[in-house]
């Protein structure tokens, strides 16, 4: 990776984290009565998108693409990203993702249904079970309960705001990653085809907003995993 790409990647990381944190502060502090239903839906959508961005940063770190010139900080940032995302184990995420790349959509791929959970709902449940154990789930509940209570007590953040703009986006983000990053690309083939609108501009816009290019350009990622997420579109014809 060139120094230019590395610098751009770090700028993207700062932007995603700043958007995630800034949107959390804004929406957690807004009285729900001051927001319309459209505003609430838009807030949930934005928070979901920025929350997914945290996992995308962690995913780049797993491939050594987040900060290539500093492996120590690369993995440190990846570890922080998955912890902020959902208190996940970075080590487990790396182990599962390596298996996914070695045997995509085949027996041995922890992201695949292995023929036993082929319908989307059971596949999603199986998918989540590979990354979030019951112990981690209860730890997640305890940690976020410990965050919500003092925010409510000291910061006067309502539990409704916390549920709508913090917890709900985590759930929707997991669905976004599963549907666009796993189910659609791998539902009927190991290496996905190249879906998406034919128009190049529309394709890139859809690709970015659906899953940071990991849906439309999923095949490119498998062929060139050393490329950071924001450079996947340029890999299409390479």
Protein backbone atom coordinates (compact mmCIF):
# COMPACT_ATOMS: atom_id res chain seq x y z
CA UNK A 1 0.00 0.00 0.00
CA UNK A 2 1.29 3.45 -0.89
CA UNK A 3 1.86 6.12 1.74
CA UNK A 4 -0.91 8.13 0.10
CA UNK A 5 -3.41 5.28 0.58
CA UNK A 6 -2.25 4.73 4.15
CA UNK A 7 -2.72 8.40 5.00
CA UNK A 8 -6.13 8.43 3.31
CA UNK A 9 -7.10 5.32 5.25
CA UNK A 10 -6.19 6.97 8.56
CA UNK A 11 -8.18 10.06 7.59
CA UNK A 12 -11.17 7.85 6.80
CA UNK A 13 -10.74 6.14 10.18
CA UNK A 14 -10.72 9.49 11.99
CA UNK A 15 -13.78 10.65 10.02
CA UNK A 16 -15.76 7.47 10.75
CA UNK A 17 -14.93 7.52 14.44
CA UNK A 18 -15.69 11.26 14.71
CA UNK A 19 -19.04 10.75 12.92
CA UNK A 20 -19.86 7.80 15.19
CA UNK A 21 -19.02 9.72 18.37
CA UNK A 22 -20.51 13.04 17.26
CA UNK A 23 -23.80 11.46 16.15
CA UNK A 24 -24.01 9.56 19.46
CA UNK A 25 -23.55 12.74 21.48
CA UNK A 26 -26.09 14.62 19.37
CA UNK A 27 -28.86 12.03 19.31
CA UNK A 28 -28.45 10.91 22.90
CA UNK A 29 -28.78 14.50 24.08
CA UNK A 30 -31.81 15.39 21.92
CA UNK A 31 -35.26 15.17 23.55
CA UNK A 32 -37.39 12.82 21.48
CA UNK A 33 -40.16 15.42 21.51
CA UNK A 34 -37.85 17.71 19.52
CA UNK A 35 -37.48 15.13 16.75
CA UNK A 36 -40.03 14.12 14.15
CA UNK A 37 -40.56 10.49 13.19
CA UNK A 38 -38.53 11.19 10.09
CA UNK A 39 -35.76 12.68 12.24
CA UNK A 40 -35.77 9.65 14.54
CA UNK A 41 -35.65 7.23 11.59
CA UNK A 42 -32.84 9.26 9.98
CA UNK A 43 -30.93 9.25 13.26
CA UNK A 44 -31.23 5.47 13.61
CA UNK A 45 -30.11 5.07 9.99
CA UNK A 46 -27.09 7.35 10.41
CA UNK A 47 -26.09 5.75 13.69
CA UNK A 48 -26.37 2.29 12.07
CA UNK A 49 -24.19 3.33 9.14
CA UNK A 50 -21.50 4.89 11.35
CA UNK A 51 -21.60 1.92 13.71
CA UNK A 52 -21.04 -0.43 10.79
CA UNK A 53 -18.05 1.76 9.95
CA UNK A 54 -16.41 0.71 13.22
CA UNK A 55 -16.48 -2.92 12.14
CA UNK A 56 -15.20 -2.01 8.68
CA UNK A 57 -12.18 -0.35 10.33
CA UNK A 58 -11.62 -3.45 12.46
CA UNK A 59 -11.91 -5.62 9.34
CA UNK A 60 -9.23 -3.57 7.58
CA UNK A 61 -7.05 -3.96 10.67
CA UNK A 62 -7.47 -7.76 10.52
CA UNK A 63 -5.93 -7.63 7.05
CA UNK A 64 -3.20 -5.23 8.17
CA UNK A 65 -4.68 -2.49 5.97
CA UNK A 66 -5.64 0.08 8.60
CA UNK A 67 -2.14 1.26 9.49
CA UNK A 68 0.26 -0.94 7.48
CA UNK A 69 3.47 0.84 8.50
CA UNK A 70 2.70 0.27 12.20
CA UNK A 71 1.40 -3.29 12.80
CA UNK A 72 1.22 -2.66 16.54
CA UNK A 73 -1.09 0.34 16.17
CA UNK A 74 -2.94 -1.32 13.31
CA UNK A 75 -4.09 -4.16 15.56
CA UNK A 76 -4.55 -1.91 18.56
CA UNK A 77 -7.00 0.24 16.61
CA UNK A 78 -8.70 -2.89 15.31
CA UNK A 79 -9.11 -4.19 18.85
CA UNK A 80 -10.61 -0.89 20.04
CA UNK A 81 -12.96 -0.83 17.05
CA UNK A 82 -14.52 -4.25 17.71
CA UNK A 83 -14.80 -3.47 21.41
CA UNK A 84 -16.66 -0.25 20.65
CA UNK A 85 -18.71 -2.09 18.06
CA UNK A 86 -20.12 -4.77 20.37
CA UNK A 87 -17.49 -5.81 22.94
CA UNK A 88 -16.27 -8.51 20.52
CA UNK A 89 -13.03 -10.45 20.78
CA UNK A 90 -10.57 -9.19 18.17
CA UNK A 91 -8.64 -12.45 18.34
CA UNK A 92 -11.79 -14.50 17.63
CA UNK A 93 -12.74 -12.18 14.78
CA UNK A 94 -9.34 -12.62 13.15
CA UNK A 95 -9.42 -16.42 13.56
CA UNK A 96 -12.89 -16.68 12.00
CA UNK A 97 -12.07 -14.26 9.20
CA UNK A 98 -8.93 -16.14 8.22
CA UNK A 99 -11.03 -19.32 7.93
CA UNK A 100 -13.57 -17.42 5.83
CA UNK A 101 -10.93 -16.37 3.32
CA UNK A 102 -9.39 -19.85 3.16
CA UNK A 103 -12.72 -21.61 2.50
CA UNK A 104 -15.34 -19.01 1.49
CA UNK A 105 -18.93 -20.30 1.52
CA UNK A 106 -17.73 -23.86 2.07
CA UNK A 107 -17.60 -26.27 5.02
CA UNK A 108 -15.07 -24.79 7.41
CA UNK A 109 -16.14 -21.20 6.79
CA UNK A 110 -17.58 -19.92 10.12
CA UNK A 111 -19.59 -17.26 8.25
CA UNK A 112 -21.33 -19.87 6.08
CA UNK A 113 -24.41 -21.92 6.96
CA UNK A 114 -22.66 -25.22 6.10
CA UNK A 115 -25.87 -26.54 4.59
CA UNK A 116 -27.74 -26.62 7.91
CA UNK A 117 -28.87 -22.99 8.25
CA UNK A 118 -29.49 -22.02 4.63
CA UNK A 119 -32.55 -19.83 5.15
CA UNK A 120 -31.64 -16.20 6.02
CA UNK A 121 -32.99 -16.13 9.58
CA UNK A 122 -31.28 -19.30 10.76
CA UNK A 123 -28.13 -18.36 8.85
CA UNK A 124 -28.08 -14.99 10.64
CA UNK A 125 -28.48 -16.70 14.02
CA UNK A 126 -25.68 -19.14 13.14
CA UNK A 127 -23.53 -16.25 11.86
CA UNK A 128 -23.94 -14.23 15.08
CA UNK A 129 -23.26 -17.29 17.21
CA UNK A 130 -19.76 -17.51 15.74
CA UNK A 131 -18.89 -14.01 16.94
CA UNK A 132 -20.95 -13.52 20.08
CA UNK A 133 -21.04 -16.23 22.74
CA UNK A 134 -23.60 -16.26 25.54
CA UNK A 135 -20.90 -15.11 27.96
CA UNK A 136 -19.99 -12.22 25.69
CA UNK A 137 -23.67 -11.38 25.25
CA UNK A 138 -24.25 -11.09 28.99
CA UNK A 139 -21.04 -9.14 29.34
CA UNK A 140 -22.26 -6.84 26.58
CA UNK A 141 -25.58 -6.34 28.41
CA UNK A 142 -23.77 -5.61 31.68
CA UNK A 143 -21.34 -3.12 30.13
CA UNK A 144 -23.99 -1.18 28.29
CA UNK A 145 -26.24 -1.22 31.31
CA UNK A 146 -23.35 0.29 33.26
CA UNK A 147 -23.08 2.98 30.57
CA UNK A 148 -26.80 3.71 30.28
CA UNK A 149 -27.43 4.13 34.01
CA UNK A 150 -24.86 6.88 34.72
CA UNK A 151 -25.76 8.62 31.44
CA UNK A 152 -29.36 8.68 32.61
CA UNK A 153 -28.51 9.67 36.17
CA UNK A 154 -25.84 12.29 35.49
CA UNK A 155 -26.31 13.28 31.86
CA UNK A 156 -30.12 12.99 31.91
CA UNK A 157 -30.03 10.79 28.81
CA UNK A 158 -33.35 8.97 28.57
CA UNK A 159 -33.38 5.20 28.25
CA UNK A 160 -35.55 5.67 25.16
CA UNK A 161 -32.79 7.67 23.47
CA UNK A 162 -30.21 5.11 24.48
CA UNK A 163 -32.31 2.27 23.10
CA UNK A 164 -33.17 4.02 19.82
CA UNK A 165 -29.82 5.60 19.02
CA UNK A 166 -27.34 3.20 20.62
CA UNK A 167 -28.73 -0.29 21.04
CA UNK A 168 -30.98 -0.44 17.98
CA UNK A 169 -28.20 0.67 15.58
CA UNK A 170 -25.99 -2.14 16.88
CA UNK A 171 -28.66 -4.68 15.93
CA UNK A 172 -29.34 -3.08 12.53
CA UNK A 173 -25.60 -2.88 11.88
CA UNK A 174 -25.23 -6.62 12.46
CA UNK A 175 -28.04 -7.16 9.94
CA UNK A 176 -26.35 -4.80 7.47
CA UNK A 177 -23.05 -6.66 7.73
CA UNK A 178 -24.75 -10.04 7.43
CA UNK A 179 -27.10 -9.22 4.53
CA UNK A 180 -24.74 -7.16 2.36
CA UNK A 181 -21.38 -8.55 3.48
CA UNK A 182 -22.20 -12.26 3.82
CA UNK A 183 -25.63 -13.44 2.72
CA UNK A 184 -26.01 -11.70 -0.64
CA UNK A 185 -22.41 -12.22 -1.83
CA UNK A 186 -22.11 -15.84 -0.67
CA UNK A 187 -25.62 -17.27 -0.66
CA UNK A 188 -25.12 -19.48 -3.74
CA UNK A 189 -21.42 -19.41 -4.61
CA UNK A 190 -17.98 -19.40 -2.91
CA UNK A 191 -16.67 -16.39 -4.84
CA UNK A 192 -19.42 -13.85 -5.57
CA UNK A 193 -20.25 -12.36 -8.90
CA UNK A 194 -20.29 -8.61 -9.47
CA UNK A 195 -23.77 -7.32 -8.60
CA UNK A 196 -24.99 -3.76 -8.43
CA UNK A 197 -26.34 -1.07 -10.78
CA UNK A 198 -24.75 -0.88 -14.23
CA UNK A 199 -24.17 2.87 -13.98
CA UNK A 200 -20.71 3.32 -12.44
CA UNK A 201 -21.61 6.34 -10.29
CA UNK A 202 -24.81 4.75 -8.96
CA UNK A 203 -22.96 1.48 -8.37
CA UNK A 204 -20.28 3.16 -6.26
CA UNK A 205 -22.83 5.17 -4.28
CA UNK A 206 -24.91 2.07 -3.60
CA UNK A 207 -21.76 0.12 -2.80
CA UNK A 208 -20.58 2.69 -0.26
CA UNK A 209 -23.88 3.22 1.55
CA UNK A 210 -24.95 -0.43 1.56
CA UNK A 211 -21.80 -1.78 3.23
CA UNK A 212 -18.69 0.32 2.60
CA UNK A 213 -18.05 -1.46 -0.74
CA UNK A 214 -18.04 -4.97 0.78
CA UNK A 215 -21.28 -5.95 -0.96
CA UNK A 216 -20.90 -4.84 -4.56
CA UNK A 217 -17.12 -5.32 -4.58
CA UNK A 218 -16.98 -8.40 -2.39
CA UNK A 219 -15.31 -10.52 -5.06
CA UNK A 220 -12.61 -7.86 -5.43
CA UNK A 221 -11.91 -8.07 -1.71
CA UNK A 222 -11.43 -11.84 -1.92
CA UNK A 223 -9.08 -11.48 -4.86
CA UNK A 224 -7.10 -8.59 -3.37
CA UNK A 225 -7.52 -8.66 0.45
CA UNK A 226 -4.51 -6.36 0.79
CA UNK A 227 -6.58 -3.47 -0.58
CA UNK A 228 -8.27 -1.17 1.97
CA UNK A 229 -12.05 -0.90 1.79
CA UNK A 230 -12.11 2.50 0.08
CA UNK A 231 -9.92 1.24 -2.79
CA UNK A 232 -12.03 -1.80 -3.69
CA UNK A 233 -13.90 -0.07 -6.56
CA UNK A 234 -10.66 0.51 -8.45
CA UNK A 235 -9.92 -3.25 -8.28
CA UNK A 236 -12.86 -4.18 -10.50
CA UNK A 237 -10.95 -4.13 -13.76
CA UNK A 238 -7.53 -4.99 -12.37
